[in-house]
């Protein structure tokens, strides 16, 4: 009788594994008949296991296996960025490993531990986001419990050694007691010794201006006589046999860690100059393309969604025809809005979903992050009701808007000179149903409203172009604008 299988997740804390641990995982996957494994957006590893064998498959003392829909979350970190991208002076590889070692229980809240200077791992896509401060060994905490609101800065910075305990105690209040209101949480935590150990924050954080992930190829490490290798598979099907050879080569050349990114890729760091030839040989022998087109990279797709992959392939091929520029941008094809860490989002809107892949009436919508910053928590709808053939041109026009805004922001920064970065808030109007933002700087292209038209000047007949909510229902609110670091 054929055994039923289900997709399982390996929760490798912080997206970092030793080659020995990864080898053990790959053996478990291979023994269960898997020829490939998949990488998740929370730096986890996924593969199929037969029904009923989950409890009998321990992956090691620091790893755990769960069903894909178990609700248990992996701890995410920006460990992968150390010595590759910009980082806070006092945050090193050992800093992350020290923090991660202190997480000894599973979490149902998404916990992120990130450096604000890198731009590969999103800052706010967890529920609890610990972000390195300029003060050594202290971290800001931003709560992102409500998708339609800006992340809330916690009063007081958390000491490095307290992060795991702070996250556990916060989760007890949020998921255990059901307290999700920010002010109530602050009041409840006032009596906690952990809260009493926090340090008053004298400054905010400087957000990176956008995502410029460079995670592929064989490249020189910053300030070191070593290399790093980044591996990307467009279909997210990583061959078990190849990965086992990667692990063996790491062991043979004294490489202690393998890192994973939220973009479903993995990196090998600290490759010695004399060992580079072995990696060249491995890459060549497997015929691996280490330099995909820039159009191909920086995409986030739903796991194992063939239609999303086909749409991406179509758009990439069309981008190549029109010579579109995508530097600094990232894209996602989403069925829902749960994960907002890309610049531009494309959403299928099939009118007759019962027809599945034979639904030729399917249309698409395009949205972009507020100010085109993927760390923003609000998205602006750009176009709806587009046919597949209309997507490339619409995205091309949207990218031009991005570069125009980028140029304007650059000039603004130059005018400010060396002024201190501030947390600026902007007044906008928000649709209470679908959370679409009306910003006077953008107007509403779909409704034929040009930029510069105040909300009060909109006609009474104006309504949300996404859900048709009337103008009278919109509410005025503030949105945090990212602070750009001076050059």
Protein backbone atom coordinates (compact mmCIF):
# COMPACT_ATOMS: atom_id res chain seq x y z
CA UNK A 1 0.00 0.00 0.00
CA UNK A 2 1.27 3.44 -0.91
CA UNK A 3 2.03 5.59 2.13
CA UNK A 4 0.54 9.05 2.48
CA UNK A 5 3.15 11.75 2.85
CA UNK A 6 2.99 15.25 4.20
CA UNK A 7 5.26 18.24 3.85
CA UNK A 8 7.42 18.82 6.91
CA UNK A 9 9.60 21.72 8.03
CA UNK A 10 13.01 21.67 9.65
CA UNK A 11 13.27 24.63 12.00
CA UNK A 12 16.95 25.53 11.86
CA UNK A 13 17.24 28.47 14.22
CA UNK A 14 18.43 31.67 12.64
CA UNK A 15 18.86 30.07 9.21
CA UNK A 16 22.27 28.66 10.12
CA UNK A 17 23.36 25.01 10.18
CA UNK A 18 26.57 23.10 10.52
CA UNK A 19 27.43 20.84 7.54
CA UNK A 20 27.07 17.82 9.84
CA UNK A 21 23.52 18.81 10.84
CA UNK A 22 22.52 19.50 7.26
CA UNK A 23 23.93 16.09 6.24
CA UNK A 24 21.76 14.45 8.88
CA UNK A 25 18.68 16.28 7.58
CA UNK A 26 19.48 15.25 4.01
CA UNK A 27 19.84 11.60 5.07
CA UNK A 28 16.39 11.72 6.68
CA UNK A 29 14.94 13.29 3.53
CA UNK A 30 16.64 10.76 1.26
CA UNK A 31 15.58 7.77 3.39
CA UNK A 32 11.98 8.98 2.97
CA UNK A 33 12.36 8.91 -0.83
CA UNK A 34 13.01 12.61 -1.46
CA UNK A 35 15.36 13.55 -4.29
CA UNK A 36 14.92 17.27 -3.58
CA UNK A 37 14.32 19.55 -0.61
CA UNK A 38 12.75 23.00 -0.57
CA UNK A 39 13.74 26.18 1.24
CA UNK A 40 11.18 28.32 3.06
CA UNK A 41 10.86 32.09 3.45
CA UNK A 42 11.66 31.79 7.16
CA UNK A 43 15.00 30.14 6.47
CA UNK A 44 13.61 26.66 7.10
CA UNK A 45 13.98 23.43 5.07
CA UNK A 46 11.02 21.41 3.80
CA UNK A 47 10.54 17.89 2.44
CA UNK A 48 7.98 15.08 2.51
CA UNK A 49 7.77 12.42 5.20
CA UNK A 50 5.47 9.38 5.38
CA UNK A 51 2.42 9.73 7.62
CA UNK A 52 3.07 8.57 11.18
CA UNK A 53 6.87 8.80 11.10
CA UNK A 54 7.21 12.40 12.25
CA UNK A 55 7.79 11.62 15.93
CA UNK A 56 10.42 9.02 15.09
CA UNK A 57 12.64 11.36 13.11
CA UNK A 58 14.72 13.50 15.48
CA UNK A 59 17.08 15.67 13.45
CA UNK A 60 19.50 16.47 16.24
CA UNK A 61 19.57 18.27 19.59
CA UNK A 62 19.23 21.75 18.07
CA UNK A 63 16.73 20.95 15.33
CA UNK A 64 13.10 19.91 15.23
CA UNK A 65 10.75 18.66 12.53
CA UNK A 66 7.14 19.79 12.31
CA UNK A 67 4.27 19.51 9.90
CA UNK A 68 4.12 22.45 7.54
CA UNK A 69 0.86 23.69 9.06
CA UNK A 70 1.79 23.06 12.71
CA UNK A 71 1.94 26.77 13.50
CA UNK A 72 5.38 26.47 15.07
CA UNK A 73 7.68 29.18 13.70
CA UNK A 74 11.38 29.25 12.92
CA UNK A 75 13.56 31.94 14.50
CA UNK A 76 14.85 34.19 11.69
CA UNK A 77 18.15 36.08 11.82
CA UNK A 78 20.42 38.10 9.56
CA UNK A 79 23.43 35.94 10.43
CA UNK A 80 23.74 35.21 6.72
CA UNK A 81 24.69 38.85 6.03
CA UNK A 82 27.75 39.03 8.29
CA UNK A 83 30.92 39.86 6.29
CA UNK A 84 28.86 40.13 3.10
CA UNK A 85 26.68 43.21 3.58
CA UNK A 86 26.93 46.30 5.77
CA UNK A 87 26.46 45.59 9.46
CA UNK A 88 26.40 47.30 12.84
CA UNK A 89 29.93 47.51 14.27
CA UNK A 90 29.38 45.30 17.32
CA UNK A 91 27.19 42.66 15.64
CA UNK A 92 29.24 39.66 14.53
CA UNK A 93 28.56 36.03 13.65
CA UNK A 94 29.19 35.03 17.27
CA UNK A 95 26.59 37.54 18.44
CA UNK A 96 23.83 35.76 16.53
CA UNK A 97 24.98 32.29 17.57
CA UNK A 98 25.04 33.37 21.23
CA UNK A 99 21.48 34.69 21.02
CA UNK A 100 20.17 31.68 19.09
CA UNK A 101 21.65 29.23 21.60
CA UNK A 102 19.42 30.75 24.27
CA UNK A 103 16.22 29.88 22.39
CA UNK A 104 15.36 26.46 23.83
CA UNK A 105 11.60 26.32 23.24
CA UNK A 106 9.42 26.42 20.13
CA UNK A 107 7.58 29.62 19.28
CA UNK A 108 4.25 30.25 17.59
CA UNK A 109 5.01 33.93 17.13
CA UNK A 110 7.43 34.84 14.37
CA UNK A 111 10.63 36.08 16.03
CA UNK A 112 13.22 37.97 13.94
CA UNK A 113 16.71 39.00 15.08
CA UNK A 114 18.15 41.41 12.54
CA UNK A 115 20.73 44.09 11.84
CA UNK A 116 19.19 47.32 10.48
CA UNK A 117 22.16 48.10 8.23
CA UNK A 118 21.87 45.00 6.04
CA UNK A 119 19.17 44.92 3.34
CA UNK A 120 18.71 41.22 2.64
CA UNK A 121 16.61 40.05 5.60
CA UNK A 122 13.42 42.14 6.12
CA UNK A 123 13.29 44.06 9.39
CA UNK A 124 9.61 43.86 10.30
CA UNK A 125 8.12 40.68 8.86
CA UNK A 126 8.12 38.94 12.23
CA UNK A 127 5.71 39.50 15.09
CA UNK A 128 8.58 40.27 17.47
CA UNK A 129 11.44 42.02 15.69
CA UNK A 130 14.65 42.49 17.67
CA UNK A 131 16.77 45.05 15.78
CA UNK A 132 20.35 45.88 16.73
CA UNK A 133 20.86 49.37 18.16
CA UNK A 134 23.97 51.55 18.05
CA UNK A 135 24.51 50.74 21.73
CA UNK A 136 26.62 47.55 22.00
CA UNK A 137 24.65 44.52 23.23
CA UNK A 138 21.26 46.25 23.18
CA UNK A 139 18.41 45.70 20.74
CA UNK A 140 15.31 47.64 19.83
CA UNK A 141 12.08 45.65 19.83
CA UNK A 142 9.32 46.36 17.30
CA UNK A 143 5.96 44.62 17.63
CA UNK A 144 4.20 43.87 14.36
CA UNK A 145 1.04 42.16 15.56
CA UNK A 146 -1.48 43.93 13.31
CA UNK A 147 -0.93 43.88 9.57
CA UNK A 148 -2.70 47.17 8.94
CA UNK A 149 -0.62 49.19 11.42
CA UNK A 150 2.96 50.37 11.66
CA UNK A 151 5.31 48.33 13.87
CA UNK A 152 5.23 49.61 17.45
CA UNK A 153 8.54 50.47 19.11
CA UNK A 154 8.81 48.86 22.54
CA UNK A 155 9.75 51.17 25.45
CA UNK A 156 13.30 50.23 26.34
CA UNK A 157 16.07 48.32 24.57
CA UNK A 158 16.63 44.65 25.40
CA UNK A 159 19.99 43.23 26.49
CA UNK A 160 21.45 40.54 24.22
CA UNK A 161 21.27 37.80 26.87
CA UNK A 162 17.60 38.63 27.60
CA UNK A 163 16.25 38.35 24.04
CA UNK A 164 15.17 34.70 24.20
CA UNK A 165 13.55 35.05 27.63
CA UNK A 166 11.89 38.32 26.59
CA UNK A 167 10.44 36.66 23.49
CA UNK A 168 9.17 33.71 25.55
CA UNK A 169 7.52 35.97 28.15
CA UNK A 170 5.95 38.17 25.48
CA UNK A 171 4.56 35.09 23.74
CA UNK A 172 2.99 33.87 26.98
CA UNK A 173 1.05 37.12 27.22
CA UNK A 174 0.17 37.35 23.51
CA UNK A 175 -0.72 33.76 22.60
CA UNK A 176 -1.29 32.36 26.09
CA UNK A 177 -3.37 35.16 27.61
CA UNK A 178 -4.59 36.62 24.32
CA UNK A 179 -3.25 40.14 25.00
CA UNK A 180 -2.54 41.80 21.67
CA UNK A 181 -3.15 45.46 22.49
CA UNK A 182 0.16 47.32 22.61
CA UNK A 183 -0.65 49.54 25.60
CA UNK A 184 -1.95 46.60 27.62
CA UNK A 185 1.19 44.62 26.90
CA UNK A 186 3.34 47.52 28.08
CA UNK A 187 1.38 47.69 31.34
CA UNK A 188 1.57 43.92 31.92
CA UNK A 189 5.34 43.84 31.31
CA UNK A 190 6.08 46.69 33.71
CA UNK A 191 6.30 44.22 36.58
CA UNK A 192 8.67 41.91 34.70
CA UNK A 193 12.31 41.83 35.78
CA UNK A 194 13.23 41.60 32.10
CA UNK A 195 11.45 44.87 31.38
CA UNK A 196 13.11 46.49 34.37
CA UNK A 197 16.49 45.52 32.88
CA UNK A 198 15.82 47.34 29.63
CA UNK A 199 17.76 50.44 28.68
CA UNK A 200 16.11 53.69 27.69
CA UNK A 201 16.51 54.34 23.97
CA UNK A 202 18.17 57.61 23.00
CA UNK A 203 17.65 57.21 19.26
CA UNK A 204 15.62 55.30 16.72
CA UNK A 205 16.88 53.09 13.92
CA UNK A 206 17.99 54.07 10.45
CA UNK A 207 16.24 51.91 7.92
CA UNK A 208 18.02 50.70 4.80
CA UNK A 209 16.47 52.51 1.80
CA UNK A 210 15.45 49.30 0.04
CA UNK A 211 16.42 45.78 -0.86
CA UNK A 212 19.53 45.25 -2.94
CA UNK A 213 20.13 41.57 -2.23
CA UNK A 214 23.26 40.15 -3.83
CA UNK A 215 23.27 36.52 -2.86
CA UNK A 216 24.46 34.58 -5.90
CA UNK A 217 27.84 33.69 -7.32
CA UNK A 218 31.34 33.12 -6.00
CA UNK A 219 32.46 36.42 -4.52
CA UNK A 220 35.20 37.95 -2.37
CA UNK A 221 34.28 38.57 1.27
CA UNK A 222 34.52 42.12 2.59
CA UNK A 223 37.83 42.74 4.38
CA UNK A 224 38.92 39.10 4.20
CA UNK A 225 41.12 36.95 1.99
CA UNK A 226 38.22 34.55 1.62
CA UNK A 227 35.24 33.96 -0.67
CA UNK A 228 31.56 33.28 -0.28
CA UNK A 229 29.31 31.28 -2.61
CA UNK A 230 25.57 31.93 -3.08
CA UNK A 231 23.32 29.29 -4.63
CA UNK A 232 19.90 29.89 -6.19
CA UNK A 233 17.46 27.47 -7.87
CA UNK A 234 14.62 29.17 -9.72
CA UNK A 235 12.21 26.30 -9.00
CA UNK A 236 13.29 25.95 -5.34
CA UNK A 237 13.99 22.23 -5.82
CA UNK A 238 17.47 21.67 -4.39
CA UNK A 239 18.90 18.24 -5.28
CA UNK A 240 19.69 16.18 -2.19
CA UNK A 241 22.77 14.65 -3.81
CA UNK A 242 24.26 18.05 -4.65
CA UNK A 243 23.62 19.36 -1.15
CA UNK A 244 25.30 16.30 0.34
CA UNK A 245 28.38 17.01 -1.75
CA UNK A 246 28.28 20.64 -0.54
CA UNK A 247 28.25 19.42 3.06
CA UNK A 248 31.16 17.06 2.44
CA UNK A 249 33.23 19.78 0.79
CA UNK A 250 32.51 22.09 3.73
CA UNK A 251 33.76 19.42 6.13
CA UNK A 252 36.85 18.79 4.01
CA UNK A 253 37.75 22.50 3.92
CA UNK A 254 36.91 23.35 7.55
CA UNK A 255 33.81 25.46 6.85
CA UNK A 256 31.69 25.41 9.97
CA UNK A 257 28.35 26.93 8.93
CA UNK A 258 25.89 27.01 6.03
CA UNK A 259 23.47 29.96 5.89
CA UNK A 260 19.98 30.31 4.44
CA UNK A 261 18.14 33.44 3.27
CA UNK A 262 14.42 34.39 3.25
CA UNK A 263 14.74 34.41 -0.55
CA UNK A 264 14.97 30.59 -0.55
CA UNK A 265 18.68 30.50 -1.31
CA UNK A 266 21.72 29.41 0.67
CA UNK A 267 25.26 30.72 1.14
CA UNK A 268 28.64 29.28 2.04
CA UNK A 269 31.07 31.74 3.66
CA UNK A 270 34.76 31.66 4.64
CA UNK A 271 35.98 29.76 1.57
CA UNK A 272 39.78 29.91 1.60
CA UNK A 273 41.71 31.11 -1.46
CA UNK A 274 43.40 27.72 -1.85
CA UNK A 275 40.01 25.96 -1.59
CA UNK A 276 38.24 28.08 -4.20
CA UNK A 277 39.34 25.64 -6.93
CA UNK A 278 37.36 22.84 -5.28
CA UNK A 279 34.18 24.92 -5.30
CA UNK A 280 34.76 25.87 -8.94
CA UNK A 281 35.07 22.18 -9.73
CA UNK A 282 31.90 21.25 -7.84
CA UNK A 283 29.91 24.03 -9.50
CA UNK A 284 31.22 23.15 -12.95
CA UNK A 285 30.69 19.41 -12.55
CA UNK A 286 27.01 19.95 -11.69
CA UNK A 287 26.59 22.56 -14.44
CA UNK A 288 25.27 25.18 -12.03
CA UNK A 289 24.52 28.67 -13.32
CA UNK A 290 25.98 31.08 -10.75
CA UNK A 291 25.06 34.27 -12.58
CA UNK A 292 21.37 34.45 -13.39
CA UNK A 293 19.95 37.55 -15.02
CA UNK A 294 19.09 40.32 -12.56
CA UNK A 295 15.50 39.97 -13.82
CA UNK A 296 15.46 36.42 -12.46
CA UNK A 297 16.55 37.20 -8.90
CA UNK A 298 14.78 38.96 -6.02
CA UNK A 299 11.46 37.16 -6.46
CA UNK A 300 9.35 35.62 -3.73
CA UNK A 301 6.86 32.94 -4.79
CA UNK A 302 4.40 30.72 -2.89
CA UNK A 303 5.95 27.35 -2.10
CA UNK A 304 5.32 24.65 -4.74
CA UNK A 305 2.99 26.87 -6.79
CA UNK A 306 3.55 25.94 -10.42
CA UNK A 307 1.28 28.66 -11.80
CA UNK A 308 3.20 31.34 -9.88
CA UNK A 309 6.49 29.96 -11.21
CA UNK A 310 5.17 29.99 -14.78
CA UNK A 311 3.96 33.58 -14.37
CA UNK A 312 7.35 34.60 -13.05
CA UNK A 313 9.10 32.95 -16.01
CA UNK A 314 6.78 34.78 -18.40
CA UNK A 315 7.43 38.16 -16.76
CA UNK A 316 11.20 37.62 -16.65
CA UNK A 317 11.25 36.84 -20.36
CA UNK A 318 9.15 39.92 -21.11
CA UNK A 319 11.38 42.13 -18.94
CA UNK A 320 14.32 41.05 -21.08
CA UNK A 321 12.52 42.16 -24.25
CA UNK A 322 11.77 45.69 -23.05
CA UNK A 323 15.10 46.25 -21.23
CA UNK A 324 13.34 47.10 -17.99
CA UNK A 325 15.52 48.16 -15.05
CA UNK A 326 14.95 46.31 -11.75
CA UNK A 327 18.00 47.21 -9.65
CA UNK A 328 16.95 47.78 -6.04
CA UNK A 329 13.49 46.27 -6.55
CA UNK A 330 12.08 42.97 -5.38
CA UNK A 331 8.92 41.20 -6.57
CA UNK A 332 6.36 38.78 -5.17
CA UNK A 333 3.48 36.78 -6.58
CA UNK A 334 1.04 36.40 -3.72
CA UNK A 335 -2.27 34.71 -3.15
CA UNK A 336 -2.73 36.71 0.07
CA UNK A 337 -1.06 39.62 1.82
CA UNK A 338 0.45 37.83 4.81
CA UNK A 339 4.10 38.30 3.87
CA UNK A 340 4.91 41.86 2.94
CA UNK A 341 8.63 42.09 2.39
CA UNK A 342 8.96 42.86 -1.28
CA UNK A 343 8.75 46.13 -3.17
CA UNK A 344 6.21 45.14 -5.83
CA UNK A 345 3.42 42.58 -5.38
CA UNK A 346 1.45 40.86 -8.17
CA UNK A 347 -1.77 39.12 -7.15
CA UNK A 348 -3.87 36.78 -9.32
CA UNK A 349 -7.58 37.65 -9.33
CA UNK A 350 -9.31 34.82 -11.19
CA UNK A 351 -13.03 35.45 -11.60
CA UNK A 352 -13.85 31.76 -11.99
CA UNK A 353 -11.47 29.88 -9.67
CA UNK A 354 -13.50 26.68 -10.11
CA UNK A 355 -11.89 26.39 -13.56
CA UNK A 356 -8.39 26.24 -12.06
CA UNK A 357 -5.63 26.41 -14.64
CA UNK A 358 -8.23 26.58 -17.42
CA UNK A 359 -9.52 29.92 -16.14
CA UNK A 360 -8.83 32.21 -19.10
CA UNK A 361 -10.74 35.06 -17.42
CA UNK A 362 -8.05 35.51 -14.75
CA UNK A 363 -6.84 39.05 -14.15
CA UNK A 364 -4.10 40.50 -11.96
CA UNK A 365 -3.52 43.43 -9.65
CA UNK A 366 -0.23 45.21 -8.90
CA UNK A 367 0.66 46.98 -5.67
CA UNK A 368 3.83 48.47 -4.26
CA UNK A 369 5.21 49.14 -0.81
CA UNK A 370 4.64 52.61 0.57
CA UNK A 371 7.55 54.80 -0.60
CA UNK A 372 8.77 51.66 -2.39
CA UNK A 373 10.44 50.57 0.85
CA UNK A 374 9.81 46.89 1.62
CA UNK A 375 10.18 47.62 5.33
CA UNK A 376 7.01 49.74 5.17
CA UNK A 377 3.89 48.05 6.51
CA UNK A 378 1.48 49.56 3.99
CA UNK A 379 0.95 48.90 0.31
CA UNK A 380 -0.50 51.14 -2.37
CA UNK A 381 -2.63 49.60 -5.10
CA UNK A 382 -1.25 50.57 -8.49
CA UNK A 383 -3.39 48.71 -11.02
CA UNK A 384 -6.18 46.13 -11.04
CA UNK A 385 -8.03 44.05 -13.61
CA UNK A 386 -4.97 43.57 -15.82
CA UNK A 387 -4.67 40.73 -18.28
CA UNK A 388 -1.49 38.68 -18.27
CA UNK A 389 -0.24 40.44 -21.40
CA UNK A 390 -0.72 43.86 -19.77
CA UNK A 391 1.47 43.10 -16.76
CA UNK A 392 4.94 43.76 -18.28
CA UNK A 393 4.06 47.27 -19.48
CA UNK A 394 2.32 48.18 -16.22
CA UNK A 395 5.29 46.96 -14.14
CA UNK A 396 7.69 48.83 -16.43
CA UNK A 397 5.78 52.08 -15.82
CA UNK A 398 5.77 51.41 -12.08
CA UNK A 399 9.55 50.92 -12.02
CA UNK A 400 9.95 54.33 -13.68
CA UNK A 401 7.90 55.85 -10.86
CA UNK A 402 10.25 54.16 -8.38
CA UNK A 403 13.38 55.62 -9.94
CA UNK A 404 11.80 59.06 -10.10
CA UNK A 405 11.01 58.87 -6.39
CA UNK A 406 14.52 57.57 -5.66
CA UNK A 407 16.02 60.57 -7.45
CA UNK A 408 13.79 62.96 -5.50
CA UNK A 409 14.73 61.37 -2.18
CA UNK A 410 18.42 61.55 -3.04
CA UNK A 411 18.15 65.28 -3.70
CA UNK A 412 16.26 65.74 -0.42
CA UNK A 413 19.01 63.97 1.52
CA UNK A 414 21.66 66.17 -0.10
CA UNK A 415 19.74 69.30 0.89
CA UNK A 416 19.50 68.10 4.48
CA UNK A 417 23.26 67.72 4.58
CA UNK A 418 24.29 66.09 7.82
CA UNK A 419 21.00 66.51 9.58
CA UNK A 420 20.13 63.72 11.99
CA UNK A 421 17.73 61.10 10.65
CA UNK A 422 14.30 61.36 12.24
CA UNK A 423 11.22 59.17 12.44
CA UNK A 424 8.82 61.11 10.21
CA UNK A 425 5.10 60.49 10.01
CA UNK A 426 2.91 61.47 7.08
CA UNK A 427 -0.83 62.09 7.06
CA UNK A 428 -2.70 59.91 4.57
CA UNK A 429 -6.24 58.57 4.14
CA UNK A 430 -6.87 54.86 4.56
CA UNK A 431 -9.65 52.66 3.19
CA UNK A 432 -10.96 50.80 6.28
CA UNK A 433 -11.90 47.69 4.26
CA UNK A 434 -8.86 46.82 2.13
CA UNK A 435 -6.34 49.25 3.70
CA UNK A 436 -5.53 50.97 0.40
CA UNK A 437 -3.76 54.29 1.02
CA UNK A 438 -4.62 57.62 -0.64
CA UNK A 439 -1.54 59.85 -0.56
CA UNK A 440 -1.70 63.32 -2.09
CA UNK A 441 1.81 62.84 -3.51
CA UNK A 442 0.59 59.95 -5.69
CA UNK A 443 -3.06 60.74 -6.32
CA UNK A 444 -5.03 57.77 -7.66
CA UNK A 445 -3.99 56.68 -11.12
CA UNK A 446 -6.82 54.15 -11.38
CA UNK A 447 -9.44 56.83 -10.76
CA UNK A 448 -7.78 59.40 -12.99
CA UNK A 449 -6.79 61.58 -10.01
CA UNK A 450 -3.39 63.22 -10.64
CA UNK A 451 -0.74 63.69 -7.99
CA UNK A 452 -1.21 66.77 -5.83
CA UNK A 453 -4.99 66.57 -5.40
CA UNK A 454 -5.91 66.88 -1.70
CA UNK A 455 -8.29 64.31 -0.26
CA UNK A 456 -10.81 67.04 0.58
CA UNK A 457 -10.81 68.06 -3.09
CA UNK A 458 -11.87 64.62 -4.31
CA UNK A 459 -15.40 64.44 -5.73
CA UNK A 460 -18.13 62.99 -3.52
CA UNK A 461 -18.45 60.13 -6.00
CA UNK A 462 -14.85 59.04 -5.36
CA UNK A 463 -14.46 55.51 -3.98
CA UNK A 464 -11.70 53.00 -3.37
CA UNK A 465 -10.68 51.52 -6.71
CA UNK A 466 -9.98 48.14 -5.11
CA UNK A 467 -13.10 47.45 -3.04
CA UNK A 468 -15.40 50.41 -3.96
CA UNK A 469 -15.65 51.70 -0.39
CA UNK A 470 -17.01 55.29 -0.59
CA UNK A 471 -14.84 58.32 0.09
CA UNK A 472 -16.85 59.17 3.23
CA UNK A 473 -15.67 55.95 4.92
CA UNK A 474 -11.96 56.70 4.54
CA UNK A 475 -10.17 57.62 7.76
CA UNK A 476 -7.20 59.93 8.25
CA UNK A 477 -4.15 58.21 9.71
CA UNK A 478 -0.39 58.55 10.06
CA UNK A 479 2.14 56.35 8.32
CA UNK A 480 5.75 56.10 9.35
CA UNK A 481 8.11 57.16 6.59
CA UNK A 482 11.45 55.31 6.58
CA UNK A 483 14.45 57.42 7.53
CA UNK A 484 17.16 57.34 4.92
CA UNK A 485 20.76 57.44 6.05
CA UNK A 486 22.83 60.31 4.71
CA UNK A 487 25.54 59.39 2.19
